[in-house]
Amino acid sequence: MTHSKRWAAWPVHLTLVLLSLMFLFPLAWMFTTALKPLQETMRIPPTWIPSHPQWGNFGKALSYGADTLGYVPFVLYARNTLLLCLLGVTGTVISNSLVAYAFARLRWPGRDIAFAVTLATMMVPFPVLMVPLYGLFKSLGWLGTFRPLWAPAWFGSAFNIFLLRQFFRTIPNELSEAARIDGCSEWGIFRQVVLPLAKSALAVVALFHFMFTWRDFLGPLVYLMDQKTFTLSLGLQFYQSQHGGTEWNLLMAASTIVVAPIIVLFFFTQKQFIQGIAVTGIKG
């Protein structure tokens, strides 16, 4: 890059830095509030740096409510959330890869129309489906259980199907033809040829669904009823005091602990994430 091009690019870099700071502001405020004594959380004007950092707030947040309930709510919420993430990610990867392969590599009557209808479902927001889904799960006797939160993942989603289909179309057909000549079945081609080459795209789909399930609030709010089945996002309500005032430092400490795994996960998988997103747009 020449000297003139470097100078021409600095406004773009400055804009990106400023936007990054805007996005980091809520996270920084949450973390500093988690370190404050309770009396400093409501101080006006607010202070950024706590006078005496209370690192013990994180331990208190983890054990909050254990004395009265007889169990540690945060650990239970984390276990429930991880279970839903595991079931949902497994179903998402399996179902979406199968459907995307059928749309990308197989020829069958009405394939393009079916794909267009599948994409059209992306335009339907969840609140529109909330009432009929609630009625369906009620008739199945699933209300109050985890099934409404992970079972739909085993039936595919339009966005993930589109993402994987775009990637599958970048894989040369010659590889499939060579495997077919060697006597490999279509299932064998999918499992032994296509899937190993699609690890980056599958990782992106898995990461997307993991993040969605980890932070999902509306789904657990609608379908879960027993506090022992709550997820982390819904369980944070437990930190809002029922005695006339919220201990904001503990709530922010718990929120920091909930957000931290997603941030760490993204930092460790960002290379795979960016690679998977980039290669899905190579072929239209």
Protein backbone atom coordinates (compact mmCIF):
# COMPACT_ATOMS: atom_id res chain seq x y z
CA MET A 1 0.00 0.00 0.00
CA THR A 2 1.42 3.39 -1.01
CA HIS A 3 1.82 6.34 1.35
CA SER A 4 -1.12 8.19 -0.22
CA LYS A 5 -3.41 5.18 0.10
CA ARG A 6 -2.51 4.84 3.78
CA TRP A 7 -3.53 8.44 4.40
CA ALA A 8 -6.73 7.95 2.40
CA ALA A 9 -7.68 4.96 4.57
CA TRP A 10 -7.29 6.65 7.97
CA PRO A 11 -10.84 8.14 8.06
CA VAL A 12 -12.26 4.65 7.59
CA HIS A 13 -10.05 3.26 10.35
CA LEU A 14 -10.95 6.13 12.67
CA THR A 15 -14.66 5.56 12.04
CA LEU A 16 -14.30 1.85 12.79
CA VAL A 17 -12.44 2.59 16.03
CA LEU A 18 -15.12 5.04 17.16
CA LEU A 19 -17.88 2.57 16.35
CA SER A 20 -15.99 -0.13 18.25
CA LEU A 21 -15.80 2.12 21.30
CA MET A 22 -19.55 2.72 21.09
CA PHE A 23 -20.21 -1.02 21.12
CA LEU A 24 -17.72 -1.58 23.95
CA PHE A 25 -19.25 1.13 26.15
CA PRO A 26 -22.13 -1.03 27.56
CA LEU A 27 -19.74 -3.91 28.24
CA ALA A 28 -17.28 -1.64 30.03
CA TRP A 29 -20.05 -0.08 32.12
CA MET A 30 -21.40 -3.52 33.03
CA PHE A 31 -17.97 -4.70 34.15
CA THR A 32 -17.16 -1.62 36.23
CA THR A 33 -20.59 -1.72 37.86
CA ALA A 34 -19.97 -5.35 38.77
CA LEU A 35 -16.91 -4.23 40.76
CA LYS A 36 -18.63 -1.44 42.67
CA PRO A 37 -20.03 -1.55 46.21
CA LEU A 38 -23.81 -1.42 46.18
CA GLN A 39 -23.99 2.21 47.34
CA GLU A 40 -21.86 3.35 44.37
CA THR A 41 -24.05 1.76 41.72
CA MET A 42 -26.75 4.43 42.12
CA ARG A 43 -24.46 7.40 42.71
CA ILE A 44 -25.29 10.59 40.79
CA PRO A 45 -23.28 11.69 38.91
CA PRO A 46 -22.18 8.14 38.11
CA THR A 47 -18.55 7.15 38.49
CA TRP A 48 -16.66 4.91 36.10
CA ILE A 49 -13.94 3.62 38.41
CA PRO A 50 -15.07 1.97 41.67
CA SER A 51 -13.43 3.41 44.78
CA HIS A 52 -12.73 -0.06 46.16
CA PRO A 53 -13.10 -2.84 43.53
CA GLN A 54 -15.22 -5.65 44.94
CA TRP A 55 -13.97 -8.74 43.14
CA GLY A 56 -15.97 -10.81 45.59
CA ASN A 57 -19.15 -9.68 43.82
CA PHE A 58 -18.58 -12.37 41.21
CA GLY A 59 -18.45 -15.07 43.87
CA LYS A 60 -21.57 -13.67 45.52
CA ALA A 61 -23.35 -13.63 42.16
CA LEU A 62 -22.49 -17.29 41.56
CA SER A 63 -23.82 -18.36 44.96
CA TYR A 64 -26.75 -15.91 45.08
CA GLY A 65 -29.91 -17.50 46.50
CA ALA A 66 -28.24 -20.75 47.54
CA ASP A 67 -28.97 -20.18 51.24
CA THR A 68 -32.72 -19.81 50.79
CA LEU A 69 -33.32 -22.31 47.97
CA GLY A 70 -31.01 -25.11 49.04
CA TYR A 71 -29.26 -25.24 45.66
CA VAL A 72 -27.13 -22.89 43.57
CA PRO A 73 -29.46 -21.27 40.99
CA PHE A 74 -26.68 -19.99 38.72
CA VAL A 75 -25.12 -23.43 38.34
CA LEU A 76 -28.53 -24.93 37.59
CA TYR A 77 -29.28 -22.21 35.01
CA ALA A 78 -25.89 -22.77 33.38
CA ARG A 79 -26.49 -26.53 33.20
CA ASN A 80 -29.92 -26.03 31.62
CA THR A 81 -28.51 -23.59 29.07
CA LEU A 82 -25.61 -25.85 28.11
CA LEU A 83 -28.00 -28.78 27.68
CA LEU A 84 -30.20 -26.74 25.34
CA CYS A 85 -27.14 -25.53 23.43
CA LEU A 86 -25.88 -29.10 22.98
CA LEU A 87 -29.23 -30.45 21.77
CA GLY A 88 -29.93 -27.44 19.59
CA VAL A 89 -26.50 -27.27 17.96
CA THR A 90 -26.56 -31.01 17.22
CA GLY A 91 -29.99 -30.78 15.62
CA THR A 92 -29.09 -27.63 13.69
CA VAL A 93 -25.96 -29.10 12.15
CA ILE A 94 -27.62 -32.39 11.20
CA SER A 95 -30.94 -31.11 9.86
CA ASN A 96 -29.66 -28.05 8.01
CA SER A 97 -26.78 -29.88 6.36
CA LEU A 98 -29.13 -32.59 5.06
CA VAL A 99 -31.66 -30.11 3.66
CA ALA A 100 -28.97 -27.84 2.22
CA TYR A 101 -27.33 -30.80 0.48
CA ALA A 102 -30.65 -31.74 -1.10
CA PHE A 103 -31.09 -28.19 -2.40
CA ALA A 104 -27.51 -27.81 -3.60
CA ARG A 105 -26.45 -31.19 -5.02
CA LEU A 106 -29.58 -33.19 -5.85
CA ARG A 107 -31.97 -32.66 -8.74
CA TRP A 108 -35.65 -33.27 -8.05
CA PRO A 109 -38.94 -31.78 -9.31
CA GLY A 110 -39.90 -28.52 -7.62
CA ARG A 111 -36.52 -28.04 -5.98
CA ASP A 112 -36.18 -24.34 -6.82
CA ILE A 113 -39.77 -23.59 -5.80
CA ALA A 114 -39.28 -25.39 -2.49
CA PHE A 115 -36.09 -23.43 -1.89
CA ALA A 116 -37.86 -20.14 -2.62
CA VAL A 117 -40.62 -21.04 -0.16
CA THR A 118 -37.99 -21.94 2.42
CA LEU A 119 -36.32 -18.55 2.02
CA ALA A 120 -39.70 -16.82 2.25
CA THR A 121 -40.13 -18.18 5.77
CA MET A 122 -37.27 -15.89 6.83
CA MET A 123 -39.68 -12.97 6.44
CA VAL A 124 -42.02 -14.32 9.14
CA PRO A 125 -40.99 -13.00 12.59
CA PHE A 126 -41.20 -15.21 15.67
CA PRO A 127 -43.95 -13.14 17.38
CA VAL A 128 -46.28 -14.04 14.49
CA LEU A 129 -45.67 -17.74 15.10
CA MET A 130 -45.69 -17.51 18.87
CA VAL A 131 -49.40 -18.16 19.44
CA PRO A 132 -49.81 -21.11 17.01
CA LEU A 133 -46.56 -22.67 18.26
CA TYR A 134 -47.69 -22.26 21.84
CA GLY A 135 -50.96 -24.03 20.98
CA LEU A 136 -49.09 -26.81 19.20
CA PHE A 137 -46.67 -27.43 22.05
CA LYS A 138 -49.54 -27.28 24.55
CA SER A 139 -51.42 -29.98 22.64
CA LEU A 140 -48.27 -32.10 22.67
CA GLY A 141 -47.88 -31.62 26.42
CA TRP A 142 -44.49 -29.97 26.01
CA LEU A 143 -45.13 -26.78 27.99
CA GLY A 144 -42.85 -26.46 30.98
CA THR A 145 -40.23 -28.74 29.38
CA PHE A 146 -37.12 -28.08 27.28
CA ARG A 147 -38.59 -29.68 24.13
CA PRO A 148 -40.06 -26.49 22.61
CA LEU A 149 -36.62 -24.88 22.86
CA TRP A 150 -34.54 -27.57 21.14
CA ALA A 151 -36.89 -29.73 19.06
CA PRO A 152 -37.47 -27.07 16.31
CA ALA A 153 -33.71 -27.02 15.67
CA TRP A 154 -34.01 -30.57 14.31
CA PHE A 155 -36.28 -29.36 11.50
CA GLY A 156 -33.93 -26.83 9.91
CA SER A 157 -34.02 -23.06 9.54
CA ALA A 158 -34.06 -21.01 6.36
CA PHE A 159 -30.98 -18.92 7.10
CA ASN A 160 -28.75 -21.88 7.97
CA ILE A 161 -30.04 -23.87 5.00
CA PHE A 162 -29.22 -20.96 2.70
CA LEU A 163 -25.75 -20.56 4.25
CA LEU A 164 -24.84 -24.22 3.87
CA ARG A 165 -26.37 -24.48 0.40
CA GLN A 166 -24.17 -21.65 -0.80
CA PHE A 167 -21.12 -23.43 0.56
CA PHE A 168 -22.04 -26.84 -0.85
CA ARG A 169 -22.36 -25.28 -4.30
CA THR A 170 -18.71 -24.21 -4.16
CA ILE A 171 -17.55 -27.83 -3.84
CA PRO A 172 -16.58 -29.15 -7.30
CA ASN A 173 -19.01 -31.65 -8.76
CA GLU A 174 -16.04 -33.66 -10.03
CA LEU A 175 -15.38 -34.87 -6.50
CA SER A 176 -18.89 -36.26 -6.22
CA GLU A 177 -18.71 -37.82 -9.67
CA ALA A 178 -15.41 -39.52 -8.86
CA ALA A 179 -16.88 -40.95 -5.64
CA ARG A 180 -19.98 -42.07 -7.52
CA ILE A 181 -17.86 -43.90 -10.13
CA ASP A 182 -16.09 -45.66 -7.28
CA GLY A 183 -19.46 -47.00 -6.16
CA CYS A 184 -20.18 -44.56 -3.37
CA SER A 185 -23.85 -43.94 -2.59
CA GLU A 186 -25.37 -40.49 -2.31
CA TRP A 187 -25.34 -40.80 1.47
CA GLY A 188 -21.70 -41.84 1.32
CA ILE A 189 -20.84 -38.84 -0.86
CA PHE A 190 -22.56 -36.53 1.60
CA ARG A 191 -20.88 -38.06 4.64
CA GLN A 192 -17.40 -38.81 3.28
CA VAL A 193 -16.85 -36.11 0.65
CA VAL A 194 -19.04 -33.07 1.30
CA LEU A 195 -19.15 -32.86 5.10
CA PRO A 196 -15.36 -33.04 5.64
CA LEU A 197 -14.94 -30.15 3.19
CA ALA A 198 -17.67 -28.12 4.88
CA LYS A 199 -16.23 -27.97 8.39
CA SER A 200 -15.83 -24.19 8.36
CA ALA A 201 -19.42 -23.58 7.22
CA LEU A 202 -20.77 -26.12 9.73
CA ALA A 203 -18.77 -24.40 12.47
CA VAL A 204 -20.41 -21.07 11.59
CA VAL A 205 -23.89 -22.61 11.72
CA ALA A 206 -23.10 -24.26 15.06
CA LEU A 207 -21.69 -21.01 16.47
CA PHE A 208 -24.72 -19.01 15.34
CA HIS A 209 -27.15 -21.39 17.00
CA PHE A 210 -25.05 -21.66 20.16
CA MET A 211 -25.06 -17.87 20.52
CA PHE A 212 -28.79 -17.72 19.81
CA THR A 213 -29.64 -20.37 22.41
CA TRP A 214 -27.25 -18.92 25.00
CA ARG A 215 -28.84 -15.47 24.88
CA ASP A 216 -32.43 -16.45 24.05
CA PHE A 217 -34.85 -14.83 26.48
CA LEU A 218 -38.24 -14.86 24.77
CA GLY A 219 -38.40 -18.61 24.16
CA PRO A 220 -37.70 -19.65 27.77
CA LEU A 221 -40.01 -16.89 29.00
CA VAL A 222 -42.91 -18.29 26.97
CA TYR A 223 -42.41 -22.03 27.44
CA LEU A 224 -40.70 -22.53 30.82
CA MET A 225 -42.63 -22.29 34.08
CA ASP A 226 -40.58 -23.96 36.82
CA GLN A 227 -37.66 -21.93 38.12
CA LYS A 228 -35.50 -25.06 38.15
CA THR A 229 -35.79 -25.22 34.34
CA PHE A 230 -34.80 -21.59 33.74
CA THR A 231 -31.88 -20.72 31.45
CA LEU A 232 -29.21 -18.13 32.19
CA SER A 233 -30.87 -15.30 30.27
CA LEU A 234 -34.17 -15.88 32.05
CA GLY A 235 -32.52 -16.65 35.37
CA LEU A 236 -30.95 -13.18 35.51
CA GLN A 237 -34.38 -11.96 36.58
CA PHE A 238 -33.75 -13.80 39.83
CA TYR A 239 -31.12 -11.18 40.69
CA GLN A 240 -33.71 -8.41 40.59
CA SER A 241 -34.62 -8.16 44.22
CA GLN A 242 -38.06 -9.10 45.45
CA HIS A 243 -37.48 -6.98 48.58
CA GLY A 244 -37.86 -3.47 47.19
CA GLY A 245 -34.47 -2.92 45.58
CA THR A 246 -32.12 -4.61 43.14
CA GLU A 247 -28.50 -5.33 44.01
CA TRP A 248 -27.21 -3.92 40.75
CA ASN A 249 -23.61 -4.86 41.40
CA LEU A 250 -24.53 -8.55 41.72
CA LEU A 251 -26.83 -8.36 38.70
CA MET A 252 -24.04 -6.84 36.60
CA ALA A 253 -21.57 -9.41 37.94
CA ALA A 254 -23.90 -12.23 36.93
CA SER A 255 -24.47 -10.59 33.53
CA THR A 256 -20.71 -10.33 33.00
CA ILE A 257 -20.28 -14.02 33.77
CA VAL A 258 -23.08 -14.88 31.31
CA VAL A 259 -21.64 -12.73 28.52
CA ALA A 260 -18.00 -13.77 29.02
CA PRO A 261 -18.25 -17.28 27.42
CA ILE A 262 -19.68 -15.85 24.20
CA ILE A 263 -16.89 -13.27 23.95
CA VAL A 264 -14.21 -15.87 24.67
CA LEU A 265 -15.77 -18.31 22.21
CA PHE A 266 -15.80 -15.71 19.45
CA PHE A 267 -12.16 -14.75 20.02
CA PHE A 268 -11.06 -18.38 19.77
CA THR A 269 -13.21 -19.13 16.70
CA GLN A 270 -13.17 -15.82 14.83
CA LYS A 271 -10.77 -17.12 12.16
CA GLN A 272 -13.00 -20.11 11.46
CA PHE A 273 -16.06 -17.88 11.68
CA ILE A 274 -14.80 -15.32 9.16
CA GLN A 275 -13.56 -18.04 6.82
CA GLY A 276 -16.92 -19.82 6.88
CA ILE A 277 -18.83 -16.60 6.21
CA ALA A 278 -16.49 -15.59 3.37
CA VAL A 279 -16.54 -18.84 1.43
CA THR A 280 -20.34 -19.10 1.42
CA GLY A 281 -20.56 -16.12 -0.93
CA ILE A 282 -18.08 -17.32 -3.55
CA LYS A 283 -20.69 -18.92 -5.77
CA GLY A 284 -24.23 -17.62 -6.19
